Amino acid sequence: MKKQCGKKCKIVRAILSNLDFMVASLALTVLIILTFLGVIMRYVLGSPFTWLEEVQLFCMVWIVFAAAGGAFRTKNHVAIEMVVELFPLKLQKATEFFIDAVVVAVLLYLFYQSIGFVSLFVRSGRSTSMLGIPYTIVYGIAPVSCIVMLWNYFRVKYRSKESMERSQEGEEK
Protein backbone atom coordinates (compact mmCIF):
# COMPACT_ATOMS: atom_id res chain seq x y z
CA MET A 1 0.00 0.00 0.00
CA LYS A 2 1.45 3.32 -1.08
CA LYS A 3 1.41 6.34 1.20
CA GLN A 4 -0.50 9.38 -0.05
CA CYS A 5 1.72 12.28 -0.95
CA GLY A 6 0.72 15.95 -1.02
CA LYS A 7 1.60 18.46 -3.74
CA LYS A 8 4.82 19.60 -2.02
CA CYS A 9 5.88 16.01 -1.45
CA LYS A 10 5.35 15.23 -5.14
CA ILE A 11 7.41 18.25 -6.16
CA VAL A 12 10.27 17.26 -3.83
CA ARG A 13 10.09 13.67 -5.10
CA ALA A 14 10.17 14.87 -8.72
CA ILE A 15 13.18 17.09 -8.04
CA LEU A 16 15.07 14.34 -6.22
CA SER A 17 14.29 11.73 -8.84
CA ASN A 18 15.56 14.04 -11.60
CA LEU A 19 18.51 15.49 -9.71
CA ASP A 20 20.96 13.49 -11.81
CA PHE A 21 19.65 15.01 -15.04
CA MET A 22 19.58 18.48 -13.46
CA VAL A 23 23.22 18.20 -12.42
CA ALA A 24 24.23 16.86 -15.84
CA SER A 25 22.23 19.62 -17.58
CA LEU A 26 23.81 22.32 -15.44
CA ALA A 27 27.30 20.94 -16.11
CA LEU A 28 26.56 20.76 -19.85
CA THR A 29 25.27 24.34 -19.86
CA VAL A 30 28.36 25.59 -18.02
CA LEU A 31 30.60 23.62 -20.41
CA ILE A 32 28.95 25.06 -23.52
CA ILE A 33 28.90 28.65 -22.25
CA LEU A 34 32.49 28.60 -21.00
CA THR A 35 33.79 26.91 -24.15
CA PHE A 36 32.02 29.50 -26.32
CA LEU A 37 33.39 32.33 -24.18
CA GLY A 38 36.82 30.69 -24.25
CA VAL A 39 36.86 30.75 -28.05
CA ILE A 40 35.88 34.43 -28.08
CA MET A 41 38.48 35.30 -25.45
CA ARG A 42 41.26 33.40 -27.24
CA TYR A 43 40.63 34.20 -30.90
CA VAL A 44 38.77 37.51 -30.83
CA LEU A 45 40.20 39.30 -27.80
CA GLY A 46 43.55 37.48 -27.70
CA SER A 47 43.32 36.85 -23.95
CA PRO A 48 42.53 33.18 -23.29
CA PHE A 49 41.16 31.80 -20.02
CA THR A 50 44.08 29.88 -18.56
CA TRP A 51 41.81 27.89 -16.25
CA LEU A 52 39.26 26.81 -18.87
CA GLU A 53 40.61 23.29 -19.44
CA GLU A 54 40.26 22.43 -15.73
CA VAL A 55 36.61 23.49 -15.64
CA GLN A 56 35.92 21.67 -18.91
CA LEU A 57 37.37 18.45 -17.46
CA PHE A 58 35.27 18.88 -14.33
CA CYS A 59 32.12 19.45 -16.39
CA MET A 60 32.73 16.49 -18.70
CA VAL A 61 33.29 14.08 -15.82
CA TRP A 62 30.16 15.29 -14.03
CA ILE A 63 28.06 15.16 -17.23
CA VAL A 64 29.01 11.54 -17.89
CA PHE A 65 28.57 10.26 -14.35
CA ALA A 66 25.51 12.33 -13.45
CA ALA A 67 23.63 11.33 -16.60
CA ALA A 68 24.56 7.64 -16.37
CA GLY A 69 22.18 6.91 -13.50
CA GLY A 70 19.38 8.72 -15.29
CA ALA A 71 20.07 6.74 -18.43
CA PHE A 72 19.52 3.54 -16.46
CA ARG A 73 16.30 4.96 -15.01
CA THR A 74 14.91 5.94 -18.42
CA LYS A 75 16.23 2.82 -20.19
CA ASN A 76 18.37 4.88 -22.55
CA HIS A 77 21.45 2.68 -22.50
CA VAL A 78 22.18 0.67 -25.60
CA ALA A 79 20.29 -2.62 -25.69
CA ILE A 80 19.90 -5.22 -28.41
CA GLU A 81 16.57 -6.68 -27.38
CA MET A 82 15.61 -7.68 -30.91
CA VAL A 83 18.03 -10.63 -30.90
CA VAL A 84 17.02 -11.82 -27.42
CA GLU A 85 13.32 -11.65 -28.34
CA LEU A 86 13.95 -14.23 -31.07
CA PHE A 87 15.05 -16.80 -28.45
CA PRO A 88 12.68 -19.31 -26.85
CA LEU A 89 11.16 -18.06 -23.56
CA LYS A 90 13.46 -20.13 -21.31
CA LEU A 91 16.56 -18.93 -23.15
CA GLN A 92 15.26 -15.33 -22.94
CA LYS A 93 14.99 -15.62 -19.16
CA ALA A 94 18.47 -17.20 -18.90
CA THR A 95 19.91 -14.46 -21.10
CA GLU A 96 18.19 -11.80 -19.01
CA PHE A 97 19.64 -13.31 -15.83
CA PHE A 98 23.12 -13.40 -17.42
CA ILE A 99 22.81 -9.76 -18.52
CA ASP A 100 21.69 -8.76 -15.00
CA ALA A 101 24.68 -10.55 -13.50
CA VAL A 102 27.11 -8.87 -15.92
CA VAL A 103 25.63 -5.41 -15.31
CA VAL A 104 25.81 -5.82 -11.53
CA ALA A 105 29.35 -7.23 -11.68
CA VAL A 106 30.59 -4.40 -13.90
CA LEU A 107 28.96 -1.69 -11.77
CA LEU A 108 30.30 -3.21 -8.54
CA TYR A 109 33.77 -3.42 -10.11
CA LEU A 110 33.56 0.23 -11.23
CA PHE A 111 32.35 1.21 -7.77
CA TYR A 112 35.28 -0.60 -6.14
CA GLN A 113 37.80 0.94 -8.54
CA SER A 114 36.32 4.43 -8.21
CA ILE A 115 36.51 4.24 -4.42
CA GLY A 116 40.21 3.39 -4.74
CA PHE A 117 40.69 6.18 -7.24
CA VAL A 118 38.99 8.81 -5.07
CA SER A 119 40.73 7.62 -1.90
CA LEU A 120 44.07 8.06 -3.70
CA PHE A 121 43.20 11.72 -4.23
CA VAL A 122 42.03 12.05 -0.63
CA ARG A 123 45.37 10.69 0.63
CA SER A 124 47.49 12.75 -1.76
CA GLY A 125 45.43 15.94 -1.43
CA ARG A 126 45.93 16.64 -5.16
CA SER A 127 44.06 19.50 -6.73
CA THR A 128 43.97 21.21 -10.10
CA SER A 129 46.91 23.49 -10.76
CA MET A 130 45.11 26.71 -11.74
CA LEU A 131 41.92 26.80 -9.65
CA GLY A 132 42.97 24.44 -6.88
CA ILE A 133 39.81 22.30 -7.19
CA PRO A 134 40.44 19.08 -5.23
CA TYR A 135 40.37 16.04 -7.51
CA THR A 136 38.18 14.36 -4.91
CA ILE A 137 35.41 16.79 -5.96
CA VAL A 138 36.11 16.29 -9.66
CA TYR A 139 35.99 12.48 -9.48
CA GLY A 140 33.93 12.06 -6.30
CA ILE A 141 30.79 11.65 -8.36
CA ALA A 142 32.00 8.32 -9.80
CA PRO A 143 31.23 6.04 -6.81
CA VAL A 144 27.97 7.90 -6.17
CA SER A 145 27.01 7.38 -9.80
CA CYS A 146 27.70 3.63 -9.57
CA ILE A 147 25.30 3.36 -6.62
CA VAL A 148 22.67 5.42 -8.45
CA MET A 149 23.06 3.24 -11.56
CA LEU A 150 22.61 0.05 -9.53
CA TRP A 151 19.59 1.50 -7.72
CA ASN A 152 17.94 2.64 -10.95
CA TYR A 153 18.74 -0.61 -12.74
CA PHE A 154 16.95 -2.68 -10.12
CA ARG A 155 14.13 -0.16 -9.75
CA VAL A 156 13.42 -0.30 -13.49
CA LYS A 157 13.66 -4.11 -13.44
CA TYR A 158 11.20 -4.31 -10.55
CA ARG A 159 8.74 -1.90 -12.17
CA SER A 160 8.85 -3.63 -15.56
CA LYS A 161 8.34 -7.00 -13.89
CA GLU A 162 5.39 -5.58 -11.91
CA SER A 163 3.78 -4.16 -15.04
CA MET A 164 4.28 -7.43 -16.94
CA GLU A 165 2.57 -9.34 -14.14
CA ARG A 166 -0.33 -6.88 -14.14
CA SER A 167 -0.74 -7.14 -17.91
CA GLN A 168 -0.67 -10.96 -17.71
CA GLU A 169 -3.34 -10.85 -14.99
CA GLY A 170 -5.46 -8.61 -17.22
CA GLU A 171 -5.15 -11.03 -20.14
CA GLU A 172 -6.25 -13.96 -17.97
CA LYS A 173 -9.51 -12.22 -16.98
C-alpha atoms as a PDB file:
ATOM      1  CA  MET A   1       0.000   0.000   0.000  1.00  0.00           C
ATOM      2  CA  LYS A   2       1.451   3.323  -1.076  1.00  0.00           C
ATOM      3  CA  LYS A   3       1.405   6.341   1.204  1.00  0.00           C
ATOM      4  CA  GLN A   4      -0.503   9.376  -0.053  1.00  0.00           C
ATOM      5  CA  CYS A   5       1.725  12.280  -0.947  1.00  0.00           C
ATOM      6  CA  GLY A   6       0.724  15.946  -1.025  1.00  0.00           C
ATOM      7  CA  LYS A   7       1.605  18.461  -3.740  1.00  0.00           C
ATOM      8  CA  LYS A   8       4.821  19.601  -2.016  1.00  0.00           C
ATOM      9  CA  CYS A   9       5.885  16.010  -1.448  1.00  0.00           C
ATOM     10  CA  LYS A  10       5.352  15.228  -5.144  1.00  0.00           C
ATOM     11  CA  ILE A  11       7.410  18.250  -6.162  1.00  0.00           C
ATOM     12  CA  VAL A  12      10.267  17.262  -3.830  1.00  0.00           C
ATOM     13  CA  ARG A  13      10.091  13.671  -5.098  1.00  0.00           C
ATOM     14  CA  ALA A  14      10.175  14.867  -8.723  1.00  0.00           C
ATOM     15  CA  ILE A  15      13.183  17.090  -8.035  1.00  0.00           C
ATOM     16  CA  LEU A  16      15.072  14.336  -6.222  1.00  0.00           C
ATOM     17  CA  SER A  17      14.286  11.731  -8.843  1.00  0.00           C
ATOM     18  CA  ASN A  18      15.556  14.044 -11.602  1.00  0.00           C
ATOM     19  CA  LEU A  19      18.515  15.488  -9.708  1.00  0.00           C
ATOM     20  CA  ASP A  20      20.964  13.490 -11.812  1.00  0.00           C
ATOM     21  CA  PHE A  21      19.654  15.014 -15.036  1.00  0.00           C
ATOM     22  CA  MET A  22      19.581  18.481 -13.460  1.00  0.00           C
ATOM     23  CA  VAL A  23      23.225  18.202 -12.415  1.00  0.00           C
ATOM     24  CA  ALA A  24      24.225  16.864 -15.843  1.00  0.00           C
ATOM     25  CA  SER A  25      22.231  19.625 -17.585  1.00  0.00           C
ATOM     26  CA  LEU A  26      23.809  22.318 -15.440  1.00  0.00           C
ATOM     27  CA  ALA A  27      27.305  20.936 -16.111  1.00  0.00           C
ATOM     28  CA  LEU A  28      26.563  20.764 -19.848  1.00  0.00           C
ATOM     29  CA  THR A  29      25.268  24.341 -19.859  1.00  0.00           C
ATOM     30  CA  VAL A  30      28.357  25.587 -18.020  1.00  0.00           C
ATOM     31  CA  LEU A  31      30.604  23.618 -20.410  1.00  0.00           C
ATOM     32  CA  ILE A  32      28.946  25.062 -23.523  1.00  0.00           C
ATOM     33  CA  ILE A  33      28.904  28.651 -22.247  1.00  0.00           C
ATOM     34  CA  LEU A  34      32.492  28.596 -21.002  1.00  0.00           C
ATOM     35  CA  THR A  35      33.787  26.910 -24.153  1.00  0.00           C
ATOM     36  CA  PHE A  36      32.018  29.501 -26.318  1.00  0.00           C
ATOM     37  CA  LEU A  37      33.386  32.334 -24.180  1.00  0.00           C
ATOM     38  CA  GLY A  38      36.818  30.690 -24.250  1.00  0.00           C
ATOM     39  CA  VAL A  39      36.856  30.749 -28.054  1.00  0.00           C
ATOM     40  CA  ILE A  40      35.882  34.426 -28.076  1.00  0.00           C
ATOM     41  CA  MET A  41      38.479  35.300 -25.452  1.00  0.00           C
ATOM     42  CA  ARG A  42      41.262  33.398 -27.243  1.00  0.00           C
ATOM     43  CA  TYR A  43      40.633  34.200 -30.897  1.00  0.00           C
ATOM     44  CA  VAL A  44      38.771  37.513 -30.830  1.00  0.00           C
ATOM     45  CA  LEU A  45      40.200  39.298 -27.796  1.00  0.00           C
ATOM     46  CA  GLY A  46      43.547  37.476 -27.700  1.00  0.00           C
ATOM     47  CA  SER A  47      43.319  36.854 -23.948  1.00  0.00           C
ATOM     48  CA  PRO A  48      42.529  33.178 -23.293  1.00  0.00           C
ATOM     49  CA  PHE A  49      41.164  31.797 -20.023  1.00  0.00           C
ATOM     50  CA  THR A  50      44.085  29.878 -18.563  1.00  0.00           C
ATOM     51  CA  TRP A  51      41.809  27.893 -16.251  1.00  0.00           C
ATOM     52  CA  LEU A  52      39.256  26.812 -18.874  1.00  0.00           C
ATOM     53  CA  GLU A  53      40.606  23.289 -19.437  1.00  0.00           C
ATOM     54  CA  GLU A  54      40.262  22.434 -15.734  1.00  0.00           C
ATOM     55  CA  VAL A  55      36.610  23.492 -15.639  1.00  0.00           C
ATOM     56  CA  GLN A  56      35.915  21.668 -18.909  1.00  0.00           C
ATOM     57  CA  LEU A  57      37.374  18.451 -17.457  1.00  0.00           C
ATOM     58  CA  PHE A  58      35.270  18.877 -14.326  1.00  0.00           C
ATOM     59  CA  CYS A  59      32.116  19.451 -16.386  1.00  0.00           C
ATOM     60  CA  MET A  60      32.727  16.485 -18.697  1.00  0.00           C
ATOM     61  CA  VAL A  61      33.287  14.084 -15.817  1.00  0.00           C
ATOM     62  CA  TRP A  62      30.155  15.287 -14.032  1.00  0.00           C
ATOM     63  CA  ILE A  63      28.056  15.162 -17.229  1.00  0.00           C
ATOM     64  CA  VAL A  64      29.005  11.544 -17.893  1.00  0.00           C
ATOM     65  CA  PHE A  65      28.571  10.261 -14.351  1.00  0.00           C
ATOM     66  CA  ALA A  66      25.509  12.327 -13.449  1.00  0.00           C
ATOM     67  CA  ALA A  67      23.634  11.335 -16.597  1.00  0.00           C
ATOM     68  CA  ALA A  68      24.563   7.638 -16.368  1.00  0.00           C
ATOM     69  CA  GLY A  69      22.177   6.912 -13.497  1.00  0.00           C
ATOM     70  CA  GLY A  70      19.380   8.724 -15.292  1.00  0.00           C
ATOM     71  CA  ALA A  71      20.074   6.740 -18.433  1.00  0.00           C
ATOM     72  CA  PHE A  72      19.522   3.544 -16.456  1.00  0.00           C
ATOM     73  CA  ARG A  73      16.298   4.960 -15.012  1.00  0.00           C
ATOM     74  CA  THR A  74      14.911   5.942 -18.419  1.00  0.00           C
ATOM     75  CA  LYS A  75      16.227   2.820 -20.191  1.00  0.00           C
ATOM     76  CA  ASN A  76      18.371   4.880 -22.551  1.00  0.00           C
ATOM     77  CA  HIS A  77      21.448   2.680 -22.502  1.00  0.00           C
ATOM     78  CA  VAL A  78      22.178   0.669 -25.602  1.00  0.00           C
ATOM     79  CA  ALA A  79      20.295  -2.622 -25.686  1.00  0.00           C
ATOM     80  CA  ILE A  80      19.901  -5.220 -28.407  1.00  0.00           C
ATOM     81  CA  GLU A  81      16.570  -6.676 -27.383  1.00  0.00           C
ATOM     82  CA  MET A  82      15.612  -7.682 -30.914  1.00  0.00           C
ATOM     83  CA  VAL A  83      18.025 -10.629 -30.901  1.00  0.00           C
ATOM     84  CA  VAL A  84      17.024 -11.819 -27.420  1.00  0.00           C
ATOM     85  CA  GLU A  85      13.321 -11.652 -28.338  1.00  0.00           C
ATOM     86  CA  LEU A  86      13.949 -14.231 -31.069  1.00  0.00           C
ATOM     87  CA  PHE A  87      15.053 -16.796 -28.453  1.00  0.00           C
ATOM     88  CA  PRO A  88      12.680 -19.305 -26.851  1.00  0.00           C
ATOM     89  CA  LEU A  89      11.157 -18.057 -23.560  1.00  0.00           C
ATOM     90  CA  LYS A  90      13.461 -20.127 -21.307  1.00  0.00           C
ATOM     91  CA  LEU A  91      16.557 -18.932 -23.147  1.00  0.00           C
ATOM     92  CA  GLN A  92      15.259 -15.333 -22.938  1.00  0.00           C
ATOM     93  CA  LYS A  93      14.989 -15.624 -19.160  1.00  0.00           C
ATOM     94  CA  ALA A  94      18.467 -17.201 -18.904  1.00  0.00           C
ATOM     95  CA  THR A  95      19.910 -14.456 -21.100  1.00  0.00           C
ATOM     96  CA  GLU A  96      18.186 -11.795 -19.008  1.00  0.00           C
ATOM     97  CA  PHE A  97      19.643 -13.308 -15.827  1.00  0.00           C
ATOM     98  CA  PHE A  98      23.115 -13.402 -17.422  1.00  0.00           C
ATOM     99  CA  ILE A  99      22.811  -9.760 -18.516  1.00  0.00           C
ATOM    100  CA  ASP A 100      21.685  -8.759 -15.004  1.00  0.00           C
ATOM    101  CA  ALA A 101      24.681 -10.555 -13.500  1.00  0.00           C
ATOM    102  CA  VAL A 102      27.109  -8.875 -15.917  1.00  0.00           C
ATOM    103  CA  VAL A 103      25.626  -5.407 -15.312  1.00  0.00           C
ATOM    104  CA  VAL A 104      25.814  -5.820 -11.532  1.00  0.00           C
ATOM    105  CA  ALA A 105      29.349  -7.232 -11.685  1.00  0.00           C
ATOM    106  CA  VAL A 106      30.591  -4.399 -13.897  1.00  0.00           C
ATOM    107  CA  LEU A 107      28.964  -1.694 -11.768  1.00  0.00           C
ATOM    108  CA  LEU A 108      30.304  -3.207  -8.542  1.00  0.00           C
ATOM    109  CA  TYR A 109      33.770  -3.421 -10.107  1.00  0.00           C
ATOM    110  CA  LEU A 110      33.556   0.227 -11.235  1.00  0.00           C
ATOM    111  CA  PHE A 111      32.346   1.209  -7.770  1.00  0.00           C
ATOM    112  CA  TYR A 112      35.278  -0.604  -6.136  1.00  0.00           C
ATOM    113  CA  GLN A 113      37.796   0.944  -8.541  1.00  0.00           C
ATOM    114  CA  SER A 114      36.321   4.433  -8.206  1.00  0.00           C
ATOM    115  CA  ILE A 115      36.512   4.236  -4.416  1.00  0.00           C
ATOM    116  CA  GLY A 116      40.206   3.388  -4.743  1.00  0.00           C
ATOM    117  CA  PHE A 117      40.693   6.181  -7.245  1.00  0.00           C
ATOM    118  CA  VAL A 118      38.988   8.806  -5.067  1.00  0.00           C
ATOM    119  CA  SER A 119      40.732   7.617  -1.900  1.00  0.00           C
ATOM    120  CA  LEU A 120      44.071   8.059  -3.698  1.00  0.00           C
ATOM    121  CA  PHE A 121      43.198  11.724  -4.230  1.00  0.00           C
ATOM    122  CA  VAL A 122      42.031  12.051  -0.628  1.00  0.00           C
ATOM    123  CA  ARG A 123      45.374  10.686   0.628  1.00  0.00           C
ATOM    124  CA  SER A 124      47.486  12.754  -1.761  1.00  0.00           C
ATOM    125  CA  GLY A 125      45.432  15.943  -1.430  1.00  0.00           C
ATOM    126  CA  ARG A 126      45.933  16.639  -5.160  1.00  0.00           C
ATOM    127  CA  SER A 127      44.065  19.503  -6.727  1.00  0.00           C
ATOM    128  CA  THR A 128      43.966  21.210 -10.097  1.00  0.00           C
ATOM    129  CA  SER A 129      46.910  23.494 -10.761  1.00  0.00           C
ATOM    130  CA  MET A 130      45.113  26.712 -11.737  1.00  0.00           C
ATOM    131  CA  LEU A 131      41.919  26.796  -9.649  1.00  0.00           C
ATOM    132  CA  GLY A 132      42.969  24.436  -6.881  1.00  0.00           C
ATOM    133  CA  ILE A 133      39.815  22.295  -7.188  1.00  0.00           C
ATOM    134  CA  PRO A 134      40.441  19.076  -5.235  1.00  0.00           C
ATOM    135  CA  TYR A 135      40.371  16.042  -7.510  1.00  0.00           C
ATOM    136  CA  THR A 136      38.180  14.355  -4.910  1.00  0.00           C
ATOM    137  CA  ILE A 137      35.415  16.786  -5.963  1.00  0.00           C
ATOM    138  CA  VAL A 138      36.114  16.291  -9.663  1.00  0.00           C
ATOM    139  CA  TYR A 139      35.992  12.477  -9.480  1.00  0.00           C
ATOM    140  CA  GLY A 140      33.926  12.064  -6.300  1.00  0.00           C
ATOM    141  CA  ILE A 141      30.787  11.650  -8.360  1.00  0.00           C
ATOM    142  CA  ALA A 142      31.999   8.319  -9.799  1.00  0.00           C
ATOM    143  CA  PRO A 143      31.226   6.040  -6.813  1.00  0.00           C
ATOM    144  CA  VAL A 144      27.967   7.900  -6.166  1.00  0.00           C
ATOM    145  CA  SER A 145      27.014   7.377  -9.799  1.00  0.00           C
ATOM    146  CA  CYS A 146      27.696   3.631  -9.567  1.00  0.00           C
ATOM    147  CA  ILE A 147      25.298   3.356  -6.620  1.00  0.00           C
ATOM    148  CA  VAL A 148      22.666   5.421  -8.449  1.00  0.00           C
ATOM    149  CA  MET A 149      23.058   3.243 -11.557  1.00  0.00           C
ATOM    150  CA  LEU A 150      22.606   0.052  -9.529  1.00  0.00           C
ATOM    151  CA  TRP A 151      19.589   1.496  -7.724  1.00  0.00           C
ATOM    152  CA  ASN A 152      17.942   2.642 -10.950  1.00  0.00           C
ATOM    153  CA  TYR A 153      18.742  -0.615 -12.740  1.00  0.00           C
ATOM    154  CA  PHE A 154      16.946  -2.677 -10.118  1.00  0.00           C
ATOM    155  CA  ARG A 155      14.129  -0.162  -9.750  1.00  0.00           C
ATOM    156  CA  VAL A 156      13.416  -0.300 -13.490  1.00  0.00           C
ATOM    157  CA  LYS A 157      13.659  -4.109 -13.437  1.00  0.00           C
ATOM    158  CA  TYR A 158      11.198  -4.312 -10.555  1.00  0.00           C
ATOM    159  CA  ARG A 159       8.739  -1.903 -12.165  1.00  0.00           C
ATOM    160  CA  SER A 160       8.851  -3.632 -15.558  1.00  0.00           C
ATOM    161  CA  LYS A 161       8.335  -7.004 -13.892  1.00  0.00           C
ATOM    162  CA  GLU A 162       5.391  -5.583 -11.914  1.00  0.00           C
ATOM    163  CA  SER A 163       3.781  -4.157 -15.041  1.00  0.00           C
ATOM    164  CA  MET A 164       4.282  -7.429 -16.943  1.00  0.00           C
ATOM    165  CA  GLU A 165       2.568  -9.345 -14.135  1.00  0.00           C
ATOM    166  CA  ARG A 166      -0.331  -6.877 -14.135  1.00  0.00           C
ATOM    167  CA  SER A 167      -0.741  -7.143 -17.909  1.00  0.00           C
ATOM    168  CA  GLN A 168      -0.673 -10.961 -17.712  1.00  0.00           C
ATOM    169  CA  GLU A 169      -3.344 -10.853 -14.988  1.00  0.00           C
ATOM    170  CA  GLY A 170      -5.461  -8.607 -17.222  1.00  0.00           C
ATOM    171  CA  GLU A 171      -5.147 -11.034 -20.139  1.00  0.00           C
ATOM    172  CA  GLU A 172      -6.254 -13.960 -17.975  1.00  0.00           C
ATOM    173  CA  LYS A 173      -9.512 -12.223 -16.984  1.00  0.00           C
END
